[in-house]
Each structure stands twice: as structure tokens, then as C-alpha cells.
Amino acid sequence: MVKFSPPLLGMFMVAATFYDAIVATTCGPSPDLNCCGMLVASGLGDKVLLPNQTEYTSRLGSYWSVSAALSPWCMVLPYTAEDVSSIIKTLVSGNCSFGVKGGGHGSFALSNAVEDGVTIDFANMNGTTYNAETEVASILPGGSWQEVYETLAPHGVTVTGGRAGTVGIGGFLTGGGNSFHAASHGMACDTVVNFEVVIADGSIINANAEQNPDLWIALKGGSANLGLVTRFDLRVIKFPDAAKPDIWGKFLSFDLADGDNAIDAMVNFTEHAHLDQNTSSIMFFGHIPAAGGMVLHLGLENTKGIVDPPAVAGYLNAGKILSTNSLVVPMADLVRSENPAQAAGVRNIWFTLTFKADARVMKYAASRHTAAVAKLSASLSPDSNFTTMCAFQPLSHAIAQHGVRNGGNVMGLDYWMQNGDSGILLLLELGVRGAENEAKAYPVMREWAREVEAYARELGVAWEWRYLNYAGREQDPLASIGPVALGRLRAAARKYDPDGVFQTLRGSGFKIPKGECD
């Protein structure tokens, strides 16, 4: 008779219970049983969640966008890099499709989860530590930037992270990461000095300037195409006064009649942004019923805590300011407030475009926003509670220069800015309740994006570049990064994922475009 040790016997009992639960909710053995059952059999049973469990339902509720909250066969929540290694080995051996969820801030279906497969949810890999000797913050992938800033502030330092506290870690950093510090330090990925990553064969390796440098570069903007990052080591940014880890933020509401003046001010700001790399701005035209309907809002920030720096004078003189709120506060406090046009718990549709800083395109985009709102108002149900945002952000050519100086990345901005041009990053966004309303709104949003893109092309100022973290479900951001960056990304994928695990089994997120030799 074969005798089992207590731990081994317990594992078999968990697996048997899991098997019974699956069979009870399906018509019998199926791919979901095989894949989820294999995870349990590999010793991960206490980390696997089934659809009939309360915690499974709770995790579905953790997605920022309802559109992205897909119900997988099961979820698996690792605690360590070793867990992630075991998960990848198991899923690959079973030819199981999987999705990857970090902080869960993706906007569309299949951005960070799957239905026909297993979702790897990093919620339990959450935390930040700071090494004062190396001046490096080590950040796990499953948390949010709110928590990171709160942890680092007592040390008088911060990092290049999200501008909304609810934004997640993993997807933000591997997708590039636009931040308040972009003009002064590059995209957030450019400040990553080391990635701890689980690659396709389950190996846990480090990628930095000395070890696997090609992978280090490719992970900076390459999304989840090369492996699953289990730790990000970021170079910190010191505040001028460690006892006051504050930045300045100012939030203004303009009269819509002064929209053209505000746009002209942003173009001027963008063209001179390299002269004051500590100041940033975001402007958006929006439809926000809770704020009275159509609005024009502006956010200004200075990472040194300087109030009303000279760089923002053009904005402050652009027209009638209806309201203003100026703050000098810790980063965590500034990013805590929720943008009413980006509320959690609704369905989302995003499109993004970029173009050379040109007021004509911006004014056209704003005018088509008004037209889109009229169409949406006429077609969506009265209880849709829809909001829209036509958001403009400066892209200083200094951002690309920092990326090159910090070892390079695969974002491709250096390709589009090689002539020293600065640009505008445009986000067209809709938040809405109800799947039927989302379906009706989608063609309206797509038409709006296509109209603006066509106009920018007509003027000869369009850029093909699409910011991955803003891209919509039908946009192909990695096809827009230019030949050099795309070549680096493909080469790294062939080396570290020769069987194409993250191109075939990974069902969530954007993939690497296939080349002629693929």
C-alpha cells in the first residue's frame, strides 16, 4: 500500500475538492477543468479561485472598467515570483490560454483578463520597499500608485508613476508610463533600473543594463509580450526638501468660449516645455453631467512645488477662469482625487492619437467632441449617465531624449521625434453604463477618432504613434513604434520566448505585429 505524507495527502484532498466543484458547475471534464485542475495539482490550490467562490466575484469587482471585467475559467493569485514560475510552467504544459491582471486599470475587454482561459491576478503581489543606499525603490506589480507614493513620501523621495492613484503598477510601467515627471526624466519605464521577470520557460531572471540588457530595453514599452514582471526596481527622485515631499497642482475650469485661447496656450507651452521640465499640463473638453454638462478643465503641476511657475502664464491669461484650486501637497494627496470623467465602475471606450503640436487639429478635435456628444445624447438611453473626455497632453521632445540617455526603450517616441518636434497626445474617452449603450456608442467614438486622424493627415502633421496605455481595442500600438524599436522587440521575443507563449497562449493585451519572417 502506498502511504502519503500529510502535506501530500492534503494536496490531493484539495485537488479532489476542486475537481468536484468544477464538475458541479459544468457539464463534466472540459478545458477549464484541465487547466484549473492542473494549477491545483501543481500545489497552487490555495491560490486558485473558482466562479462559485465569493472571492472570485470580489476580484471581478476590482476592475476599474466594467468592460474589462471578464469571467475566466478560474483565477490564480500568486504571492511570489516562484508562484508565477509554477503558474507559467503549468499553463504552458497544458496549452492553456491566460490573461494577465496587474492593478486592473485596462479599459476594454481582453485588456487584462480572458473568458476562455485563466486570469493571473497579481493582487497579492503588492508592496514597495526603499533602499536608501542604492536610491532604488522596489515595487511589486499588483498594487496602485497611491500606495507607492504613500510608502516613499516619509523618505523624501518619489518615483515616476501614475497621475491617478488608482492606476496599477505592472501595465503602466511595461506600457511606458506618462507621468508628472515625463519631461524631466522620460517615461516611467525609462527609470526602471531592473526588472525581475518570469520568462516563457518559467525561469526567473533579472533584466538590467548588465544582465540581459536586450530584454531590459524590450520590457520598457513592450507590455506583457516577453514575460511576467514580478518586481520593478526604479530609480527614485529626491524632493528638494526631504521633510516636505510636496508638489504643486492647480485645477482650473475655463469658460468654453475661451477654448481656442486655451488650445493656443497649450501649443505654446508644448513648444517650450523642454525649457521647464518640471512643469506639466493636461487639458480636456468634457461632457460631465455632474459638473453641469459641457466643461473645459485644465490641470497644471510642478514637481518642485513651485506655485504658478512662469511656464504656465499663457494658460492663466487664456480667458475667463470659472473656478480654480491650487495645492502644494504630497504626491499621494494630489493623485487621490478621482476625475469625474474617469470614474470607476462603468464601461469604457478609448481611442488615442498623436500629432505634431498644431492648434488646428486640437480645435477640430474639440469641435468634433461637441458633435459626438450630440450623437451620443440622441442614441443612448436616458440612464446611460455617459461622460466624455477629449484630453490633450504635451509630448515634449525631451521625453524621447531621456529615454535614449537611460539606455533606450521600445516605445518609439525617439523615432517620431527625431527631428526635434514636440507633439500632442490625444485621448478620446467615453464612460457609460450598460452593455447595450456601450455597443451603440462605439461607432460614434470610432468615427470621432477617424475624423480627427484624417484631418491631421490632411494637414501633414499626423503621427502614426499610438500610446499603448491609452490605445483602444482595435488600435495596434506596437505597430506604430518604428522599425528600430519593433526590430528590438521582435528579436527579444525570439530569444526569450522562442515558442511564442506570450503571442499565442496569452489572450489579453496587445501583441507584437507579425513580420515577414514570422
Protein backbone atom coordinates (compact mmCIF):
# COMPACT_ATOMS: atom_id res chain seq x y z
CA MET A 1 0.00 0.00 0.00
CA VAL A 2 1.23 3.48 -0.89
CA LYS A 3 1.31 5.84 2.07
CA PHE A 4 1.10 9.61 1.61
CA SER A 5 2.68 12.16 3.90
CA PRO A 6 0.18 14.62 5.50
CA PRO A 7 1.15 17.55 3.20
CA LEU A 8 0.87 15.40 0.08
CA LEU A 9 -2.39 13.88 1.25
CA GLY A 10 -3.74 17.37 1.89
CA MET A 11 -2.82 18.45 -1.61
CA PHE A 12 -4.69 15.51 -3.11
CA MET A 13 -7.72 16.29 -0.96
CA VAL A 14 -7.72 19.92 -2.18
CA ALA A 15 -7.43 18.73 -5.78
CA ALA A 16 -10.31 16.31 -5.31
CA THR A 17 -12.50 19.00 -3.78
CA PHE A 18 -11.59 21.35 -6.62
CA TYR A 19 -12.47 18.67 -9.20
CA ASP A 20 -15.87 18.16 -7.59
CA ALA A 21 -16.53 21.91 -7.60
CA ILE A 22 -15.70 22.21 -11.29
CA VAL A 23 -17.85 19.24 -12.28
CA ALA A 24 -20.73 20.66 -10.23
CA THR A 25 -20.70 23.87 -12.27
CA THR A 26 -20.01 22.41 -15.73
CA CYS A 27 -21.16 19.52 -17.86
CA GLY A 28 -18.11 17.45 -16.95
CA PRO A 29 -14.40 17.38 -17.78
CA SER A 30 -13.51 20.28 -20.09
CA PRO A 31 -10.62 22.64 -20.84
CA ASP A 32 -11.43 24.69 -17.76
CA LEU A 33 -11.22 21.56 -15.60
CA ASN A 34 -7.95 20.51 -17.19
CA CYS A 35 -6.22 23.88 -16.86
CA CYS A 36 -7.56 24.93 -13.47
CA GLY A 37 -7.17 21.40 -12.15
CA MET A 38 -3.54 21.32 -13.26
CA LEU A 39 -2.86 24.50 -11.29
CA VAL A 40 -4.26 22.87 -8.17
CA ALA A 41 -2.35 19.66 -8.76
CA SER A 42 0.87 21.67 -9.07
CA GLY A 43 0.45 22.85 -5.48
CA LEU A 44 -1.28 26.16 -6.18
CA GLY A 45 -4.71 25.12 -4.93
CA ASP A 46 -4.94 27.74 -2.20
CA LYS A 47 -4.25 30.44 -4.80
CA VAL A 48 -6.94 29.37 -7.30
CA LEU A 49 -10.42 30.93 -7.30
CA LEU A 50 -13.48 29.35 -8.93
CA PRO A 51 -16.59 31.09 -10.31
CA ASN A 52 -18.71 29.79 -7.43
CA GLN A 53 -16.49 31.42 -4.79
CA THR A 54 -17.26 34.77 -3.17
CA GLU A 55 -13.68 35.98 -3.57
CA TYR A 56 -13.84 35.27 -7.32
CA THR A 57 -16.82 37.64 -7.55
CA SER A 58 -14.99 40.17 -5.41
CA ARG A 59 -12.00 40.11 -7.73
CA LEU A 60 -14.27 40.77 -10.73
CA GLY A 61 -15.41 43.88 -8.90
CA SER A 62 -11.84 45.14 -8.60
CA TYR A 63 -11.55 46.05 -12.29
CA TRP A 64 -11.58 49.79 -12.93
CA SER A 65 -13.57 49.35 -16.15
CA VAL A 66 -16.61 47.08 -16.27
CA SER A 67 -15.78 46.44 -19.93
CA ALA A 68 -12.57 44.69 -18.87
CA ALA A 69 -14.06 42.53 -16.11
CA LEU A 70 -14.26 39.20 -17.94
CA SER A 71 -15.12 35.95 -16.13
CA PRO A 72 -12.36 33.36 -16.68
CA TRP A 73 -12.50 29.61 -16.01
CA CYS A 74 -10.64 30.39 -12.81
CA MET A 75 -8.27 32.96 -11.37
CA VAL A 76 -4.89 32.28 -9.86
CA LEU A 77 -3.33 34.80 -7.47
CA PRO A 78 0.42 34.32 -6.94
CA TYR A 79 2.29 35.61 -3.90
CA THR A 80 5.87 35.20 -5.13
CA ALA A 81 7.96 35.03 -8.27
CA GLU A 82 8.25 31.29 -7.63
CA ASP A 83 4.46 31.04 -7.74
CA VAL A 84 4.44 32.86 -11.07
CA SER A 85 7.09 30.49 -12.39
CA SER A 86 4.99 27.49 -11.38
CA ILE A 87 1.89 29.04 -12.96
CA ILE A 88 3.60 29.67 -16.29
CA LYS A 89 5.12 26.19 -16.42
CA THR A 90 1.75 24.62 -15.64
CA LEU A 91 -0.26 26.67 -18.11
CA VAL A 92 2.25 26.13 -20.90
CA SER A 93 2.35 22.38 -20.28
CA GLY A 94 -1.44 22.28 -20.56
CA ASN A 95 -1.57 24.60 -23.58
CA CYS A 96 -3.86 26.85 -21.52
CA SER A 97 -4.85 30.36 -22.54
CA PHE A 98 -4.30 33.03 -19.91
CA GLY A 99 -4.78 36.71 -19.19
CA VAL A 100 -2.66 39.00 -17.01
CA LYS A 101 -4.08 41.48 -14.49
CA GLY A 102 -1.89 43.85 -12.51
CA GLY A 103 -3.78 46.76 -10.99
CA GLY A 104 -6.72 46.21 -13.33
CA HIS A 105 -6.87 49.65 -14.96
CA GLY A 106 -7.28 48.47 -18.57
CA SER A 107 -10.26 49.96 -20.37
CA PHE A 108 -11.54 47.29 -22.76
CA ALA A 109 -12.46 43.61 -22.87
CA LEU A 110 -9.32 41.43 -23.17
CA SER A 111 -7.06 44.24 -21.98
CA ASN A 112 -6.19 42.41 -18.76
CA ALA A 113 -8.39 39.31 -18.46
CA VAL A 114 -9.81 36.44 -20.51
CA GLU A 115 -13.03 34.43 -20.56
CA ASP A 116 -11.81 31.24 -22.23
CA GLY A 117 -8.80 30.68 -20.03
CA VAL A 118 -7.18 31.51 -16.71
CA THR A 119 -6.61 35.04 -15.43
CA ILE A 120 -3.37 35.54 -13.50
CA ASP A 121 -4.24 38.23 -10.95
CA PHE A 122 -1.26 39.88 -9.21
CA ALA A 123 -3.33 41.42 -6.40
CA ASN A 124 -1.40 39.54 -3.71
CA MET A 125 1.97 40.72 -5.04
CA ASN A 126 1.65 44.21 -3.70
CA GLY A 127 4.18 46.33 -1.83
CA THR A 128 7.03 48.83 -2.04
CA THR A 129 10.42 48.90 -0.33
CA TYR A 130 13.09 51.58 -0.47
CA ASN A 131 16.86 51.16 -0.30
CA ALA A 132 18.37 54.48 0.75
CA GLU A 133 21.92 53.35 -0.09
CA THR A 134 21.15 52.48 -3.71
CA GLU A 135 18.34 55.06 -4.03
CA VAL A 136 16.15 52.41 -5.62
CA ALA A 137 12.51 51.63 -4.87
CA SER A 138 11.45 48.02 -5.43
CA ILE A 139 7.80 47.80 -6.40
CA LEU A 140 5.66 44.69 -6.85
CA PRO A 141 3.29 44.60 -9.84
CA GLY A 142 -0.13 44.18 -8.23
CA GLY A 143 -0.60 47.44 -6.35
CA SER A 144 -1.53 51.01 -7.21
CA TRP A 145 0.49 54.20 -7.35
CA GLN A 146 -1.40 55.65 -4.41
CA GLU A 147 0.22 53.06 -2.15
CA VAL A 148 3.65 53.57 -3.69
CA TYR A 149 3.64 57.33 -3.11
CA GLU A 150 2.43 56.93 0.47
CA THR A 151 5.26 54.48 1.21
CA LEU A 152 8.02 56.62 -0.30
CA ALA A 153 6.99 60.06 0.98
CA PRO A 154 8.44 59.60 4.52
CA HIS A 155 11.83 59.02 2.87
CA GLY A 156 11.62 62.31 0.97
CA VAL A 157 11.56 60.58 -2.41
CA THR A 158 9.14 59.58 -5.12
CA VAL A 159 9.15 57.79 -8.48
CA THR A 160 7.78 58.39 -11.96
CA GLY A 161 4.36 56.83 -11.58
CA GLY A 162 0.71 57.28 -12.43
CA ARG A 163 -1.09 60.59 -12.15
CA ALA A 164 -4.21 58.92 -10.74
CA GLY A 165 -3.78 56.98 -7.53
CA THR A 166 -5.93 54.09 -8.73
CA VAL A 167 -3.73 53.30 -11.75
CA GLY A 168 -1.97 49.95 -11.45
CA ILE A 169 1.76 49.26 -11.45
CA GLY A 170 2.54 46.48 -13.91
CA GLY A 171 0.70 47.54 -17.04
CA PHE A 172 1.57 51.20 -16.53
CA LEU A 173 5.31 50.55 -16.43
CA THR A 174 5.55 47.94 -19.19
CA GLY A 175 3.33 50.12 -21.39
CA GLY A 176 5.61 53.13 -20.95
CA GLY A 177 4.03 55.30 -18.29
CA ASN A 178 3.34 59.00 -18.78
CA SER A 179 3.78 60.95 -15.56
CA PHE A 180 4.25 64.38 -14.00
CA HIS A 181 7.99 63.73 -14.36
CA ALA A 182 7.97 62.73 -18.05
CA ALA A 183 9.65 65.89 -19.36
CA SER A 184 12.36 65.76 -16.67
CA HIS A 185 13.02 62.01 -16.51
CA GLY A 186 11.39 60.37 -19.52
CA MET A 187 8.57 57.88 -19.45
CA ALA A 188 8.26 55.90 -16.23
CA CYS A 189 9.75 52.80 -17.85
CA ASP A 190 12.93 54.79 -18.51
CA THR A 191 13.59 54.96 -14.76
CA VAL A 192 13.43 51.18 -14.28
CA VAL A 193 16.96 50.00 -13.50
CA ASN A 194 16.00 46.34 -13.16
CA PHE A 195 13.11 44.02 -13.94
CA GLU A 196 12.70 40.71 -12.16
CA VAL A 197 10.78 38.72 -14.74
CA VAL A 198 9.46 35.21 -15.32
CA ILE A 199 10.01 34.28 -18.95
CA ALA A 200 8.22 31.68 -21.06
CA ASP A 201 10.12 28.62 -19.81
CA GLY A 202 9.39 29.57 -16.19
CA SER A 203 12.88 30.87 -15.44
CA ILE A 204 13.14 33.79 -13.02
CA ILE A 205 15.75 36.21 -14.34
CA ASN A 206 16.81 39.83 -13.97
CA ALA A 207 16.96 42.29 -16.83
CA ASN A 208 19.09 45.40 -16.46
CA ALA A 209 21.95 47.24 -18.14
CA GLU A 210 24.39 44.40 -17.32
CA GLN A 211 22.20 41.28 -17.25
CA ASN A 212 20.02 40.54 -20.27
CA PRO A 213 20.20 44.15 -21.47
CA ASP A 214 18.24 43.41 -24.65
CA LEU A 215 15.33 42.20 -22.53
CA TRP A 216 15.67 45.24 -20.25
CA ILE A 217 15.22 47.53 -23.24
CA ALA A 218 12.36 45.49 -24.71
CA LEU A 219 10.42 45.43 -21.44
CA LYS A 220 10.40 49.23 -21.46
CA GLY A 221 7.28 49.66 -23.57
CA GLY A 222 6.92 46.06 -24.75
CA SER A 223 3.97 45.30 -22.47
CA ALA A 224 3.49 41.63 -21.47
CA ASN A 225 4.99 40.25 -24.67
CA LEU A 226 8.22 38.95 -23.16
CA GLY A 227 7.35 37.65 -19.72
CA LEU A 228 5.61 38.47 -16.46
CA VAL A 229 7.43 41.08 -14.39
CA THR A 230 7.39 40.20 -10.70
CA ARG A 231 9.35 43.21 -9.42
CA PHE A 232 10.25 46.64 -10.75
CA ASP A 233 13.33 48.41 -9.38
CA LEU A 234 13.00 52.14 -10.04
CA ARG A 235 15.50 54.93 -9.57
CA VAL A 236 13.91 57.38 -7.13
CA ILE A 237 13.56 61.13 -7.44
CA LYS A 238 14.55 63.21 -4.42
CA PHE A 239 12.48 66.17 -3.31
CA PRO A 240 14.40 69.44 -2.78
CA ASP A 241 13.39 69.31 0.89
CA ALA A 242 13.06 65.74 2.17
CA ALA A 243 10.89 66.98 5.04
CA LYS A 244 8.40 68.44 2.54
CA PRO A 245 7.81 65.86 -0.22
CA ASP A 246 5.31 68.13 -1.94
CA ILE A 247 4.39 69.01 -5.50
CA TRP A 248 2.19 71.82 -6.79
CA GLY A 249 -1.07 71.23 -8.57
CA LYS A 250 -3.64 73.67 -9.88
CA PHE A 251 -7.01 72.76 -11.30
CA LEU A 252 -8.93 75.30 -13.35
CA SER A 253 -12.26 75.45 -15.14
CA PHE A 254 -12.48 77.76 -18.16
CA ASP A 255 -15.39 79.32 -19.97
CA LEU A 256 -15.93 77.18 -23.08
CA ALA A 257 -15.95 80.35 -25.17
CA ASP A 258 -12.21 80.63 -24.43
CA GLY A 259 -11.44 77.12 -25.67
CA ASP A 260 -9.46 78.32 -28.69
CA ASN A 261 -7.30 80.56 -26.50
CA ALA A 262 -6.63 77.69 -24.09
CA ILE A 263 -5.59 75.49 -27.01
CA ASP A 264 -3.23 78.16 -28.33
CA ALA A 265 -1.71 78.36 -24.86
CA MET A 266 -1.10 74.60 -24.80
CA VAL A 267 0.63 74.65 -28.18
CA ASN A 268 2.94 77.41 -26.94
CA PHE A 269 3.54 75.50 -23.68
CA THR A 270 4.37 72.32 -25.63
CA GLU A 271 6.85 74.04 -27.91
CA HIS A 272 8.73 75.41 -24.89
CA ALA A 273 8.20 72.52 -22.43
CA HIS A 274 11.86 71.49 -22.66
CA LEU A 275 12.79 74.80 -21.00
CA ASP A 276 10.88 73.95 -17.82
CA GLN A 277 10.91 70.19 -17.49
CA ASN A 278 9.39 70.23 -14.01
CA THR A 279 6.03 71.64 -15.12
CA SER A 280 3.32 69.67 -16.88
CA SER A 281 -0.26 70.19 -18.01
CA ILE A 282 -3.37 68.29 -19.06
CA MET A 283 -6.39 69.94 -20.66
CA PHE A 284 -9.71 68.37 -21.54
CA PHE A 285 -13.04 69.26 -23.01
CA GLY A 286 -15.66 67.05 -21.42
CA HIS A 287 -19.29 66.17 -21.07
CA ILE A 288 -19.85 65.63 -17.34
CA PRO A 289 -23.49 65.81 -16.26
CA ALA A 290 -22.50 66.02 -12.58
CA ALA A 291 -20.47 69.16 -13.37
CA GLY A 292 -23.25 70.81 -15.36
CA GLY A 293 -22.72 69.34 -18.82
CA MET A 294 -20.02 70.58 -21.20
CA VAL A 295 -16.83 71.71 -19.46
CA LEU A 296 -13.25 72.79 -20.15
CA HIS A 297 -10.81 71.80 -17.41
CA LEU A 298 -7.06 72.27 -17.05
CA GLY A 299 -4.62 70.61 -14.69
CA LEU A 300 -1.19 72.15 -14.01
CA GLU A 301 1.62 70.58 -11.98
CA ASN A 302 5.14 71.43 -10.88
CA THR A 303 7.20 68.62 -9.34
CA LYS A 304 9.43 71.05 -7.41
CA GLY A 305 6.45 72.54 -5.61
CA ILE A 306 6.78 75.94 -7.32
CA VAL A 307 3.44 77.77 -7.40
CA ASP A 308 2.41 79.33 -10.74
CA PRO A 309 5.80 78.93 -12.46
CA PRO A 310 6.39 81.24 -15.46
CA ALA A 311 5.78 78.35 -17.87
CA VAL A 312 2.02 78.39 -17.11
CA ALA A 313 1.49 82.14 -17.61
CA GLY A 314 -0.06 81.59 -21.03
CA TYR A 315 -2.69 79.32 -19.57
CA LEU A 316 -3.56 81.70 -16.75
CA ASN A 317 -4.13 84.51 -19.27
CA ALA A 318 -6.10 82.41 -21.76
CA GLY A 319 -9.55 83.61 -20.76
CA LYS A 320 -12.24 83.64 -18.13
CA ILE A 321 -11.48 81.23 -15.30
CA LEU A 322 -14.68 79.98 -13.69
CA SER A 323 -13.04 78.19 -10.78
CA THR A 324 -9.59 77.35 -9.50
CA ASN A 325 -7.99 75.24 -6.80
CA SER A 326 -4.27 75.48 -6.06
CA LEU A 327 -2.50 72.96 -3.82
CA VAL A 328 1.01 72.23 -2.58
CA VAL A 329 0.68 68.73 -1.19
CA PRO A 330 2.35 65.31 -1.14
CA MET A 331 2.07 63.34 -4.36
CA ALA A 332 -0.29 60.83 -2.77
CA ASP A 333 -2.74 63.59 -1.91
CA LEU A 334 -2.63 65.16 -5.36
CA VAL A 335 -3.44 61.89 -7.16
CA ARG A 336 -6.10 60.81 -4.68
CA SER A 337 -8.98 62.75 -6.21
CA GLU A 338 -10.99 60.95 -8.87
CA ASN A 339 -11.52 62.63 -12.23
CA PRO A 340 -15.32 62.64 -12.72
CA ALA A 341 -14.76 61.87 -16.40
CA GLN A 342 -12.80 58.74 -15.45
CA ALA A 343 -14.96 57.23 -12.73
CA ALA A 344 -14.56 53.56 -11.85
CA GLY A 345 -17.39 51.08 -12.21
CA VAL A 346 -18.61 51.98 -15.70
CA ARG A 347 -17.92 50.72 -19.21
CA ASN A 348 -15.22 52.50 -21.18
CA ILE A 349 -14.28 53.19 -24.78
CA TRP A 350 -10.89 54.74 -25.50
CA PHE A 351 -9.12 55.87 -28.66
CA THR A 352 -5.79 57.66 -28.83
CA LEU A 353 -3.96 59.69 -31.47
CA THR A 354 -0.79 61.77 -31.66
CA PHE A 355 0.25 64.59 -33.93
CA LYS A 356 2.72 67.42 -34.17
CA ALA A 357 1.68 70.25 -31.84
CA ASP A 358 -0.86 72.01 -34.03
CA ALA A 359 -3.72 74.18 -32.78
CA ARG A 360 -5.82 73.48 -35.87
CA VAL A 361 -6.06 69.77 -35.13
CA MET A 362 -6.81 70.38 -31.46
CA LYS A 363 -9.60 72.83 -32.27
CA TYR A 364 -11.04 70.41 -34.79
CA ALA A 365 -10.95 67.56 -32.26
CA ALA A 366 -12.77 69.77 -29.74
CA SER A 367 -15.44 70.70 -32.30
CA ARG A 368 -15.98 67.05 -33.21
CA HIS A 369 -16.28 66.31 -29.49
CA THR A 370 -19.32 68.58 -29.38
CA ALA A 371 -20.77 66.74 -32.39
CA ALA A 372 -20.06 63.34 -30.82
CA VAL A 373 -21.80 64.34 -27.58
CA ALA A 374 -24.88 65.35 -29.58
CA LYS A 375 -24.95 61.96 -31.33
CA LEU A 376 -24.47 60.09 -28.06
CA SER A 377 -27.21 62.09 -26.36
CA ALA A 378 -29.61 61.17 -29.14
CA SER A 379 -28.77 57.45 -29.27
CA LEU A 380 -28.05 56.32 -25.70
CA SER A 381 -30.66 55.54 -23.07
CA PRO A 382 -31.54 58.27 -20.52
CA ASP A 383 -29.98 56.22 -17.72
CA SER A 384 -26.64 55.77 -19.53
CA ASN A 385 -25.06 58.55 -17.43
CA PHE A 386 -22.41 58.88 -20.10
CA THR A 387 -19.36 61.09 -19.74
CA THR A 388 -16.81 62.03 -22.38
CA MET A 389 -13.33 63.45 -22.41
CA CYS A 390 -11.29 65.00 -25.20
CA ALA A 391 -7.95 65.26 -23.42
CA PHE A 392 -4.78 66.91 -24.72
CA GLN A 393 -1.31 66.41 -23.23
CA PRO A 394 2.01 67.90 -24.36
CA LEU A 395 4.70 65.50 -25.57
CA SER A 396 7.99 67.35 -25.22
CA HIS A 397 10.86 66.04 -27.32
CA ALA A 398 12.80 65.98 -24.04
CA ILE A 399 10.85 62.81 -23.15
CA ALA A 400 12.40 60.89 -26.02
CA GLN A 401 15.86 62.27 -25.26
CA HIS A 402 15.69 60.99 -21.68
CA GLY A 403 14.67 57.57 -22.97
CA VAL A 404 17.75 57.34 -25.16
CA ARG A 405 20.06 58.56 -22.37
CA ASN A 406 18.65 55.97 -19.96
CA GLY A 407 19.60 53.05 -22.18
CA GLY A 408 16.78 53.04 -24.70
CA ASN A 409 13.29 51.58 -24.86
CA VAL A 410 10.87 50.21 -27.44
CA MET A 411 8.25 52.94 -27.16
CA GLY A 412 9.26 54.54 -30.43
CA LEU A 413 8.90 58.19 -29.43
CA ASP A 414 12.52 58.84 -30.41
CA TYR A 415 11.62 57.73 -33.94
CA TRP A 416 8.74 60.17 -34.23
CA MET A 417 10.66 63.00 -32.54
CA GLN A 418 13.96 62.54 -34.37
CA ASN A 419 13.61 65.98 -36.00
CA GLY A 420 13.23 67.64 -32.61
CA ASP A 421 9.47 68.00 -32.95
CA SER A 422 7.17 68.02 -29.95
CA GLY A 423 3.67 66.66 -30.16
CA ILE A 424 0.24 66.36 -28.64
CA LEU A 425 -1.11 63.17 -27.12
CA LEU A 426 -4.89 62.98 -27.56
CA LEU A 427 -7.19 60.69 -25.60
CA LEU A 428 -10.83 60.34 -26.65
CA GLU A 429 -12.74 58.66 -23.85
CA LEU A 430 -16.29 57.62 -23.05
CA GLY A 431 -17.66 56.25 -19.78
CA VAL A 432 -21.14 54.71 -19.92
CA ARG A 433 -23.46 52.32 -18.10
CA GLY A 434 -24.93 49.28 -19.81
CA ALA A 435 -23.56 46.88 -22.44
CA GLU A 436 -26.18 47.98 -24.97
CA ASN A 437 -25.18 51.61 -24.57
CA GLU A 438 -21.51 50.69 -24.96
CA ALA A 439 -22.27 48.90 -28.23
CA LYS A 440 -24.23 51.90 -29.56
CA ALA A 441 -21.54 54.37 -28.51
CA TYR A 442 -18.60 52.52 -30.03
CA PRO A 443 -19.16 53.53 -33.69
CA VAL A 444 -19.66 57.15 -32.62
CA MET A 445 -16.33 57.17 -30.78
CA ARG A 446 -14.56 55.41 -33.65
CA GLU A 447 -15.93 57.91 -36.16
CA TRP A 448 -14.74 60.79 -33.98
CA ALA A 449 -11.22 59.34 -33.84
CA ARG A 450 -11.14 58.70 -37.59
CA GLU A 451 -12.30 62.24 -38.36
CA VAL A 452 -9.52 63.78 -36.28
CA GLU A 453 -6.91 61.42 -37.70
CA ALA A 454 -7.98 62.21 -41.27
CA TYR A 455 -7.79 65.94 -40.61
CA ALA A 456 -4.30 65.66 -39.10
CA ARG A 457 -3.18 63.68 -42.14
CA GLU A 458 -4.68 66.29 -44.45
CA LEU A 459 -2.59 68.96 -42.72
CA GLY A 460 0.53 66.78 -42.83
CA VAL A 461 1.02 66.77 -39.05
CA ALA A 462 -0.24 63.28 -38.14
CA TRP A 463 1.99 60.85 -36.27
CA GLU A 464 1.29 57.14 -36.51
CA TRP A 465 2.44 56.62 -32.92
CA ARG A 466 -0.17 55.25 -30.54
CA TYR A 467 0.48 55.32 -26.80
CA LEU A 468 -0.08 51.73 -25.68
CA ASN A 469 -1.59 52.61 -22.31
CA TYR A 470 -4.28 54.71 -23.99
CA ALA A 471 -4.90 52.57 -27.07
CA GLY A 472 -8.36 51.23 -27.83
CA ARG A 473 -9.19 47.63 -28.55
CA GLU A 474 -8.86 47.91 -32.35
CA GLN A 475 -5.75 50.06 -32.34
CA ASP A 476 -2.38 48.38 -32.80
CA PRO A 477 0.11 50.44 -30.80
CA LEU A 478 3.16 48.20 -31.22
CA ALA A 479 2.86 48.55 -34.99
CA SER A 480 3.49 52.28 -34.57
CA ILE A 481 6.82 52.28 -32.72
CA GLY A 482 9.07 52.48 -35.77
CA PRO A 483 11.39 49.92 -37.39
CA VAL A 484 14.26 50.07 -34.89
CA ALA A 485 12.13 49.61 -31.78
CA LEU A 486 9.99 46.94 -33.43
CA GLY A 487 13.12 45.09 -34.53
CA ARG A 488 14.45 45.12 -30.96
CA LEU A 489 11.13 43.87 -29.62
CA ARG A 490 10.89 41.03 -32.13
CA ALA A 491 14.49 39.98 -31.53
CA ALA A 492 13.96 39.85 -27.77
CA ALA A 493 10.77 37.83 -28.21
CA ARG A 494 12.55 35.28 -30.42
CA LYS A 495 15.33 34.94 -27.84
CA TYR A 496 13.35 34.81 -24.60
CA ASP A 497 10.11 33.29 -25.91
CA PRO A 498 11.11 31.13 -28.88
CA ASP A 499 7.86 29.16 -28.80
CA GLY A 500 5.70 32.27 -28.78
CA VAL A 501 3.96 31.59 -25.48
CA PHE A 502 3.13 35.26 -24.93
CA GLN A 503 1.90 35.62 -28.52
CA THR A 504 -0.32 32.54 -28.59
CA LEU A 505 -1.37 31.46 -25.10
CA ARG A 506 -1.60 34.96 -23.64
CA GLY A 507 -5.08 36.11 -24.55
CA SER A 508 -5.03 39.60 -23.04
CA GLY A 509 -3.28 42.78 -24.10
CA PHE A 510 -1.59 43.91 -27.29
CA LYS A 511 0.68 41.56 -29.25
CA ILE A 512 3.80 42.08 -31.33
CA PRO A 513 2.85 42.58 -35.01
CA LYS A 514 4.00 39.69 -37.15
CA GLY A 515 6.80 40.32 -39.61
CA GLU A 516 7.51 38.74 -42.97
CA CYS A 517 9.69 36.08 -41.33
CA ASP A 518 7.18 35.17 -38.61
